[in-house]
PDB file of all heavy atoms in Angstrom:
ATOM      1  N   GLY A   1      -2.532   5.938 -13.534  1.00  0.00           N
ATOM      2  CA  GLY A   1      -3.805   6.405 -12.985  1.00  0.00           C
ATOM      3  C   GLY A   1      -4.537   5.317 -12.230  1.00  0.00           C
ATOM      4  O   GLY A   1      -3.953   4.569 -11.454  1.00  0.00           O
ATOM      5  N   GLY A   2      -5.832   5.206 -12.501  1.00  0.00           N
ATOM      6  CA  GLY A   2      -6.649   4.238 -11.784  1.00  0.00           C
ATOM      7  C   GLY A   2      -6.733   2.886 -12.450  1.00  0.00           C
ATOM      8  O   GLY A   2      -7.521   2.032 -12.013  1.00  0.00           O
ATOM      9  N   ALA A   3      -5.953   2.652 -13.495  1.00  0.00           N
ATOM     10  CA  ALA A   3      -6.010   1.376 -14.201  1.00  0.00           C
ATOM     11  C   ALA A   3      -5.548   0.235 -13.298  1.00  0.00           C
ATOM     12  O   ALA A   3      -4.629   0.396 -12.494  1.00  0.00           O
ATOM     13  CB  ALA A   3      -5.122   1.426 -15.448  1.00  0.00           C
ATOM     14  N   ALA A   4      -6.197  -0.902 -13.430  1.00  0.00           N
ATOM     15  CA  ALA A   4      -5.795  -2.077 -12.656  1.00  0.00           C
ATOM     16  C   ALA A   4      -4.349  -2.445 -12.978  1.00  0.00           C
ATOM     17  O   ALA A   4      -3.956  -2.493 -14.140  1.00  0.00           O
ATOM     18  CB  ALA A   4      -6.710  -3.249 -12.971  1.00  0.00           C
ATOM     19  N   GLY A   5      -3.556  -2.681 -11.948  1.00  0.00           N
ATOM     20  CA  GLY A   5      -2.154  -3.006 -12.158  1.00  0.00           C
ATOM     21  C   GLY A   5      -1.262  -1.786 -12.232  1.00  0.00           C
ATOM     22  O   GLY A   5      -0.056  -1.905 -12.426  1.00  0.00           O
ATOM     23  N   GLY A   6      -1.831  -0.600 -12.064  1.00  0.00           N
ATOM     24  CA  GLY A   6      -1.048   0.629 -12.052  1.00  0.00           C
ATOM     25  C   GLY A   6      -0.692   1.017 -10.626  1.00  0.00           C
ATOM     26  O   GLY A   6      -0.374   0.174  -9.795  1.00  0.00           O
ATOM     27  N   GLY A   7      -0.793   2.297 -10.337  1.00  0.00           N
ATOM     28  CA  GLY A   7      -0.409   2.754  -9.005  1.00  0.00           C
ATOM     29  C   GLY A   7      -1.511   2.699  -7.979  1.00  0.00           C
ATOM     30  O   GLY A   7      -1.252   2.540  -6.783  1.00  0.00           O
ATOM     31  N   SER A   8      -2.763   2.795  -8.424  1.00  0.00           N
ATOM     32  CA  SER A   8      -3.861   2.970  -7.478  1.00  0.00           C
ATOM     33  C   SER A   8      -4.169   1.726  -6.654  1.00  0.00           C
ATOM     34  O   SER A   8      -4.681   1.827  -5.543  1.00  0.00           O
ATOM     35  CB  SER A   8      -5.128   3.405  -8.220  1.00  0.00           C
ATOM     36  OG  SER A   8      -5.521   2.405  -9.153  1.00  0.00           O
ATOM     37  N   ASP A   9      -3.847   0.542  -7.172  1.00  0.00           N
ATOM     38  CA  ASP A   9      -4.185  -0.685  -6.447  1.00  0.00           C
ATOM     39  C   ASP A   9      -2.952  -1.427  -5.929  1.00  0.00           C
ATOM     40  O   ASP A   9      -3.015  -2.601  -5.593  1.00  0.00           O
ATOM     41  CB  ASP A   9      -5.025  -1.621  -7.330  1.00  0.00           C
ATOM     42  CG  ASP A   9      -4.278  -2.085  -8.585  1.00  0.00           C
ATOM     43  OD1 ASP A   9      -3.181  -1.568  -8.862  1.00  0.00           O
ATOM     44  OD2 ASP A   9      -4.813  -2.959  -9.286  1.00  0.00           O
ATOM     45  N   MET A  10      -1.817  -0.718  -5.842  1.00  0.00           N
ATOM     46  CA  MET A  10      -0.580  -1.375  -5.426  1.00  0.00           C
ATOM     47  C   MET A  10      -0.672  -1.922  -4.000  1.00  0.00           C
ATOM     48  O   MET A  10      -0.237  -3.036  -3.715  1.00  0.00           O
ATOM     49  CB  MET A  10       0.612  -0.413  -5.540  1.00  0.00           C
ATOM     50  CG  MET A  10       0.974  -0.040  -6.960  1.00  0.00           C
ATOM     51  SD  MET A  10       2.439   1.010  -7.054  1.00  0.00           S
ATOM     52  CE  MET A  10       3.742  -0.206  -6.917  1.00  0.00           C
ATOM     53  N   VAL A  11      -1.226  -1.129  -3.106  1.00  0.00           N
ATOM     54  CA  VAL A  11      -1.307  -1.550  -1.708  1.00  0.00           C
ATOM     55  C   VAL A  11      -2.211  -2.771  -1.574  1.00  0.00           C
ATOM     56  O   VAL A  11      -1.892  -3.723  -0.842  1.00  0.00           O
ATOM     57  CB  VAL A  11      -1.814  -0.404  -0.820  1.00  0.00           C
ATOM     58  CG1 VAL A  11      -2.069  -0.891   0.601  1.00  0.00           C
ATOM     59  CG2 VAL A  11      -0.796   0.741  -0.817  1.00  0.00           C
ATOM     60  N   ALA A  12      -3.328  -2.772  -2.317  1.00  0.00           N
ATOM     61  CA  ALA A  12      -4.245  -3.912  -2.267  1.00  0.00           C
ATOM     62  C   ALA A  12      -3.577  -5.168  -2.814  1.00  0.00           C
ATOM     63  O   ALA A  12      -3.721  -6.266  -2.253  1.00  0.00           O
ATOM     64  CB  ALA A  12      -5.523  -3.601  -3.045  1.00  0.00           C
ATOM     65  N   ARG A  13      -2.833  -5.028  -3.920  1.00  0.00           N
ATOM     66  CA  ARG A  13      -2.159  -6.189  -4.492  1.00  0.00           C
ATOM     67  C   ARG A  13      -1.047  -6.701  -3.573  1.00  0.00           C
ATOM     68  O   ARG A  13      -0.842  -7.901  -3.426  1.00  0.00           O
ATOM     69  CB  ARG A  13      -1.601  -5.854  -5.870  1.00  0.00           C
ATOM     70  CG  ARG A  13      -2.674  -5.751  -6.948  1.00  0.00           C
ATOM     71  CD  ARG A  13      -2.104  -5.523  -8.334  1.00  0.00           C
ATOM     72  NE  ARG A  13      -1.632  -4.162  -8.531  1.00  0.00           N
ATOM     73  CZ  ARG A  13      -0.385  -3.816  -8.817  1.00  0.00           C
ATOM     74  NH1 ARG A  13       0.543  -4.738  -8.941  1.00  0.00           N
ATOM     75  NH2 ARG A  13      -0.057  -2.554  -8.993  1.00  0.00           N
ATOM     76  N   ALA A  14      -0.344  -5.770  -2.936  1.00  0.00           N
ATOM     77  CA  ALA A  14       0.737  -6.165  -2.037  1.00  0.00           C
ATOM     78  C   ALA A  14       0.219  -6.938  -0.833  1.00  0.00           C
ATOM     79  O   ALA A  14       0.943  -7.748  -0.246  1.00  0.00           O
ATOM     80  CB  ALA A  14       1.497  -4.931  -1.566  1.00  0.00           C
ATOM     81  N   ALA A  15      -1.035  -6.710  -0.473  1.00  0.00           N
ATOM     82  CA  ALA A  15      -1.616  -7.401   0.683  1.00  0.00           C
ATOM     83  C   ALA A  15      -1.773  -8.896   0.441  1.00  0.00           C
ATOM     84  O   ALA A  15      -2.051  -9.654   1.381  1.00  0.00           O
ATOM     85  CB  ALA A  15      -2.967  -6.782   1.039  1.00  0.00           C
ATOM     86  N   THR A  16      -1.591  -9.348  -0.791  1.00  0.00           N
ATOM     87  CA  THR A  16      -1.688 -10.780  -1.094  1.00  0.00           C
ATOM     88  C   THR A  16      -0.339 -11.496  -0.952  1.00  0.00           C
ATOM     89  O   THR A  16      -0.283 -12.708  -1.083  1.00  0.00           O
ATOM     90  CB  THR A  16      -2.223 -11.010  -2.518  1.00  0.00           C
ATOM     91  OG1 THR A  16      -1.257 -10.531  -3.477  1.00  0.00           O
ATOM     92  CG2 THR A  16      -3.542 -10.277  -2.736  1.00  0.00           C
ATOM     93  N   THR A  17       0.746 -10.764  -0.691  1.00  0.00           N
ATOM     94  CA  THR A  17       2.048 -11.400  -0.489  1.00  0.00           C
ATOM     95  C   THR A  17       2.103 -12.025   0.904  1.00  0.00           C
ATOM     96  O   THR A  17       1.307 -11.666   1.782  1.00  0.00           O
ATOM     97  CB  THR A  17       3.199 -10.378  -0.618  1.00  0.00           C
ATOM     98  OG1 THR A  17       3.100  -9.430   0.466  1.00  0.00           O
ATOM     99  CG2 THR A  17       3.152  -9.639  -1.946  1.00  0.00           C
ATOM    100  N   PRO A  18       3.030 -12.934   1.141  1.00  0.00           N
ATOM    101  CA  PRO A  18       3.136 -13.530   2.476  1.00  0.00           C
ATOM    102  C   PRO A  18       3.298 -12.507   3.597  1.00  0.00           C
ATOM    103  O   PRO A  18       2.780 -12.706   4.697  1.00  0.00           O
ATOM    104  CB  PRO A  18       4.368 -14.434   2.357  1.00  0.00           C
ATOM    105  CG  PRO A  18       4.349 -14.878   0.923  1.00  0.00           C
ATOM    106  CD  PRO A  18       3.895 -13.647   0.171  1.00  0.00           C
ATOM    107  N   LEU A  19       3.999 -11.419   3.360  1.00  0.00           N
ATOM    108  CA  LEU A  19       4.161 -10.403   4.397  1.00  0.00           C
ATOM    109  C   LEU A  19       2.973  -9.455   4.478  1.00  0.00           C
ATOM    110  O   LEU A  19       2.912  -8.605   5.381  1.00  0.00           O
ATOM    111  CB  LEU A  19       5.450  -9.607   4.189  1.00  0.00           C
ATOM    112  CG  LEU A  19       6.746 -10.373   4.441  1.00  0.00           C
ATOM    113  CD1 LEU A  19       7.955  -9.438   4.341  1.00  0.00           C
ATOM    114  CD2 LEU A  19       6.733 -11.051   5.802  1.00  0.00           C
ATOM    115  N   ARG A  20       2.049  -9.563   3.524  1.00  0.00           N
ATOM    116  CA  ARG A  20       0.782  -8.829   3.562  1.00  0.00           C
ATOM    117  C   ARG A  20       0.940  -7.310   3.569  1.00  0.00           C
ATOM    118  O   ARG A  20       0.115  -6.591   4.126  1.00  0.00           O
ATOM    119  CB  ARG A  20      -0.045  -9.252   4.786  1.00  0.00           C
ATOM    120  CG  ARG A  20      -0.397 -10.748   4.823  1.00  0.00           C
ATOM    121  CD  ARG A  20      -1.349 -11.119   3.692  1.00  0.00           C
ATOM    122  NE  ARG A  20      -1.933 -12.446   3.870  1.00  0.00           N
ATOM    123  CZ  ARG A  20      -1.510 -13.553   3.252  1.00  0.00           C
ATOM    124  NH1 ARG A  20      -0.477 -13.474   2.414  1.00  0.00           N
ATOM    125  NH2 ARG A  20      -2.110 -14.706   3.451  1.00  0.00           N
ATOM    126  N   ARG A  21       1.977  -6.831   2.926  1.00  0.00           N
ATOM    127  CA  ARG A  21       2.153  -5.381   2.827  1.00  0.00           C
ATOM    128  C   ARG A  21       3.081  -5.040   1.686  1.00  0.00           C
ATOM    129  O   ARG A  21       3.804  -5.912   1.169  1.00  0.00           O
ATOM    130  CB  ARG A  21       2.732  -4.802   4.127  1.00  0.00           C
ATOM    131  CG  ARG A  21       4.183  -5.224   4.409  1.00  0.00           C
ATOM    132  CD  ARG A  21       4.749  -4.463   5.586  1.00  0.00           C
ATOM    133  NE  ARG A  21       6.114  -4.873   5.931  1.00  0.00           N
ATOM    134  CZ  ARG A  21       7.217  -4.364   5.371  1.00  0.00           C
ATOM    135  NH1 ARG A  21       7.121  -3.431   4.413  1.00  0.00           N
ATOM    136  NH2 ARG A  21       8.420  -4.772   5.744  1.00  0.00           N
ATOM    137  N   ALA A  22       3.072  -3.786   1.289  1.00  0.00           N
ATOM    138  CA  ALA A  22       4.015  -3.296   0.288  1.00  0.00           C
ATOM    139  C   ALA A  22       5.360  -3.013   0.940  1.00  0.00           C
ATOM    140  O   ALA A  22       5.464  -2.847   2.164  1.00  0.00           O
ATOM    141  CB  ALA A  22       3.473  -2.024  -0.358  1.00  0.00           C
ATOM    142  N   GLY A  23       6.387  -2.964   0.123  1.00  0.00           N
ATOM    143  CA  GLY A  23       7.706  -2.601   0.616  1.00  0.00           C
ATOM    144  C   GLY A  23       7.903  -1.098   0.590  1.00  0.00           C
ATOM    145  O   GLY A  23       7.042  -0.343   0.110  1.00  0.00           O
ATOM    146  N   THR A  24       9.027  -0.647   1.091  1.00  0.00           N
ATOM    147  CA  THR A  24       9.347   0.776   1.083  1.00  0.00           C
ATOM    148  C   THR A  24      10.648   1.010   0.313  1.00  0.00           C
ATOM    149  O   THR A  24      11.504   0.109   0.242  1.00  0.00           O
ATOM    150  CB  THR A  24       9.526   1.323   2.509  1.00  0.00           C
ATOM    151  OG1 THR A  24      10.724   0.759   3.088  1.00  0.00           O
ATOM    152  CG2 THR A  24       8.322   0.985   3.380  1.00  0.00           C
ATOM    153  N   PRO A  25      10.833   2.194  -0.247  1.00  0.00           N
ATOM    154  CA  PRO A  25      12.095   2.499  -0.919  1.00  0.00           C
ATOM    155  C   PRO A  25      13.290   2.348   0.007  1.00  0.00           C
ATOM    156  O   PRO A  25      14.367   1.921  -0.421  1.00  0.00           O
ATOM    157  CB  PRO A  25      11.906   3.956  -1.356  1.00  0.00           C
ATOM    158  CG  PRO A  25      10.428   4.107  -1.524  1.00  0.00           C
ATOM    159  CD  PRO A  25       9.834   3.283  -0.420  1.00  0.00           C
ATOM    160  N   GLU A  26      13.103   2.671   1.272  1.00  0.00           N
ATOM    161  CA  GLU A  26      14.205   2.579   2.225  1.00  0.00           C
ATOM    162  C   GLU A  26      14.660   1.133   2.441  1.00  0.00           C
ATOM    163  O   GLU A  26      15.850   0.875   2.651  1.00  0.00           O
ATOM    164  CB  GLU A  26      13.797   3.214   3.559  1.00  0.00           C
ATOM    165  CG  GLU A  26      13.664   4.728   3.532  1.00  0.00           C
ATOM    166  CD  GLU A  26      12.432   5.209   2.765  1.00  0.00           C
ATOM    167  OE1 GLU A  26      11.450   4.429   2.645  1.00  0.00           O
ATOM    168  OE2 GLU A  26      12.442   6.369   2.282  1.00  0.00           O
ATOM    169  N   GLU A  27      13.711   0.203   2.393  1.00  0.00           N
ATOM    170  CA  GLU A  27      14.077  -1.210   2.530  1.00  0.00           C
ATOM    171  C   GLU A  27      14.904  -1.682   1.338  1.00  0.00           C
ATOM    172  O   GLU A  27      15.861  -2.454   1.495  1.00  0.00           O
ATOM    173  CB  GLU A  27      12.819  -2.061   2.708  1.00  0.00           C
ATOM    174  CG  GLU A  27      12.168  -1.870   4.074  1.00  0.00           C
ATOM    175  CD  GLU A  27      10.800  -2.504   4.184  1.00  0.00           C
ATOM    176  OE1 GLU A  27      10.036  -2.481   3.188  1.00  0.00           O
ATOM    177  OE2 GLU A  27      10.480  -3.013   5.270  1.00  0.00           O
ATOM    178  N   VAL A  28      14.537  -1.227   0.157  1.00  0.00           N
ATOM    179  CA  VAL A  28      15.325  -1.582  -1.036  1.00  0.00           C
ATOM    180  C   VAL A  28      16.705  -0.923  -0.959  1.00  0.00           C
ATOM    181  O   VAL A  28      17.723  -1.547  -1.266  1.00  0.00           O
ATOM    182  CB  VAL A  28      14.593  -1.156  -2.320  1.00  0.00           C
ATOM    183  CG1 VAL A  28      15.431  -1.518  -3.549  1.00  0.00           C
ATOM    184  CG2 VAL A  28      13.219  -1.812  -2.406  1.00  0.00           C
ATOM    185  N   ALA A  29      16.738   0.329  -0.527  1.00  0.00           N
ATOM    186  CA  ALA A  29      18.007   1.052  -0.422  1.00  0.00           C
ATOM    187  C   ALA A  29      18.967   0.358   0.533  1.00  0.00           C
ATOM    188  O   ALA A  29      20.184   0.323   0.297  1.00  0.00           O
ATOM    189  CB  ALA A  29      17.756   2.486   0.038  1.00  0.00           C
ATOM    190  N   ALA A  30      18.446  -0.204   1.613  1.00  0.00           N
ATOM    191  CA  ALA A  30      19.297  -0.912   2.572  1.00  0.00           C
ATOM    192  C   ALA A  30      19.956  -2.124   1.922  1.00  0.00           C
ATOM    193  O   ALA A  30      21.135  -2.421   2.165  1.00  0.00           O
ATOM    194  CB  ALA A  30      18.472  -1.335   3.787  1.00  0.00           C
ATOM    195  N   LEU A  31      19.200  -2.826   1.078  1.00  0.00           N
ATOM    196  CA  LEU A  31      19.748  -3.977   0.365  1.00  0.00           C
ATOM    197  C   LEU A  31      20.803  -3.540  -0.644  1.00  0.00           C
ATOM    198  O   LEU A  31      21.864  -4.163  -0.766  1.00  0.00           O
ATOM    199  CB  LEU A  31      18.626  -4.744  -0.332  1.00  0.00           C
ATOM    200  CG  LEU A  31      19.045  -5.931  -1.204  1.00  0.00           C
ATOM    201  CD1 LEU A  31      19.837  -6.956  -0.403  1.00  0.00           C
ATOM    202  CD2 LEU A  31      17.815  -6.566  -1.846  1.00  0.00           C
ATOM    203  N   VAL A  32      20.530  -2.461  -1.361  1.00  0.00           N
ATOM    204  CA  VAL A  32      21.499  -1.939  -2.333  1.00  0.00           C
ATOM    205  C   VAL A  32      22.807  -1.574  -1.632  1.00  0.00           C
ATOM    206  O   VAL A  32      23.904  -1.917  -2.098  1.00  0.00           O
ATOM    207  CB  VAL A  32      20.931  -0.716  -3.072  1.00  0.00           C
ATOM    208  CG1 VAL A  32      22.009  -0.065  -3.944  1.00  0.00           C
ATOM    209  CG2 VAL A  32      19.730  -1.113  -3.932  1.00  0.00           C
ATOM    210  N   ALA A  33      22.700  -0.881  -0.497  1.00  0.00           N
ATOM    211  CA  ALA A  33      23.900  -0.475   0.244  1.00  0.00           C
ATOM    212  C   ALA A  33      24.712  -1.686   0.673  1.00  0.00           C
ATOM    213  O   ALA A  33      25.957  -1.685   0.602  1.00  0.00           O
ATOM    214  CB  ALA A  33      23.503   0.363   1.458  1.00  0.00           C
ATOM    215  N   PHE A  34      24.044  -2.736   1.117  1.00  0.00           N
ATOM    216  CA  PHE A  34      24.745  -3.964   1.502  1.00  0.00           C
ATOM    217  C   PHE A  34      25.487  -4.566   0.310  1.00  0.00           C
ATOM    218  O   PHE A  34      26.662  -4.925   0.405  1.00  0.00           O
ATOM    219  CB  PHE A  34      23.755  -4.979   2.073  1.00  0.00           C
ATOM    220  CG  PHE A  34      24.318  -6.374   2.166  1.00  0.00           C
ATOM    221  CD1 PHE A  34      25.282  -6.694   3.105  1.00  0.00           C
ATOM    222  CD2 PHE A  34      23.890  -7.364   1.280  1.00  0.00           C
ATOM    223  CE1 PHE A  34      25.817  -7.983   3.175  1.00  0.00           C
ATOM    224  CE2 PHE A  34      24.407  -8.651   1.347  1.00  0.00           C
ATOM    225  CZ  PHE A  34      25.387  -8.963   2.289  1.00  0.00           C
TER     226      PHE A  34
END
């Protein structure tokens, strides 16, 4: 739900990474396929 560290603030937390964004399932899938 809305708890900190759950799903609601994922995009905000991801913005603190060097790439400044969240990843996508498709990006992970591409790595798995490789």
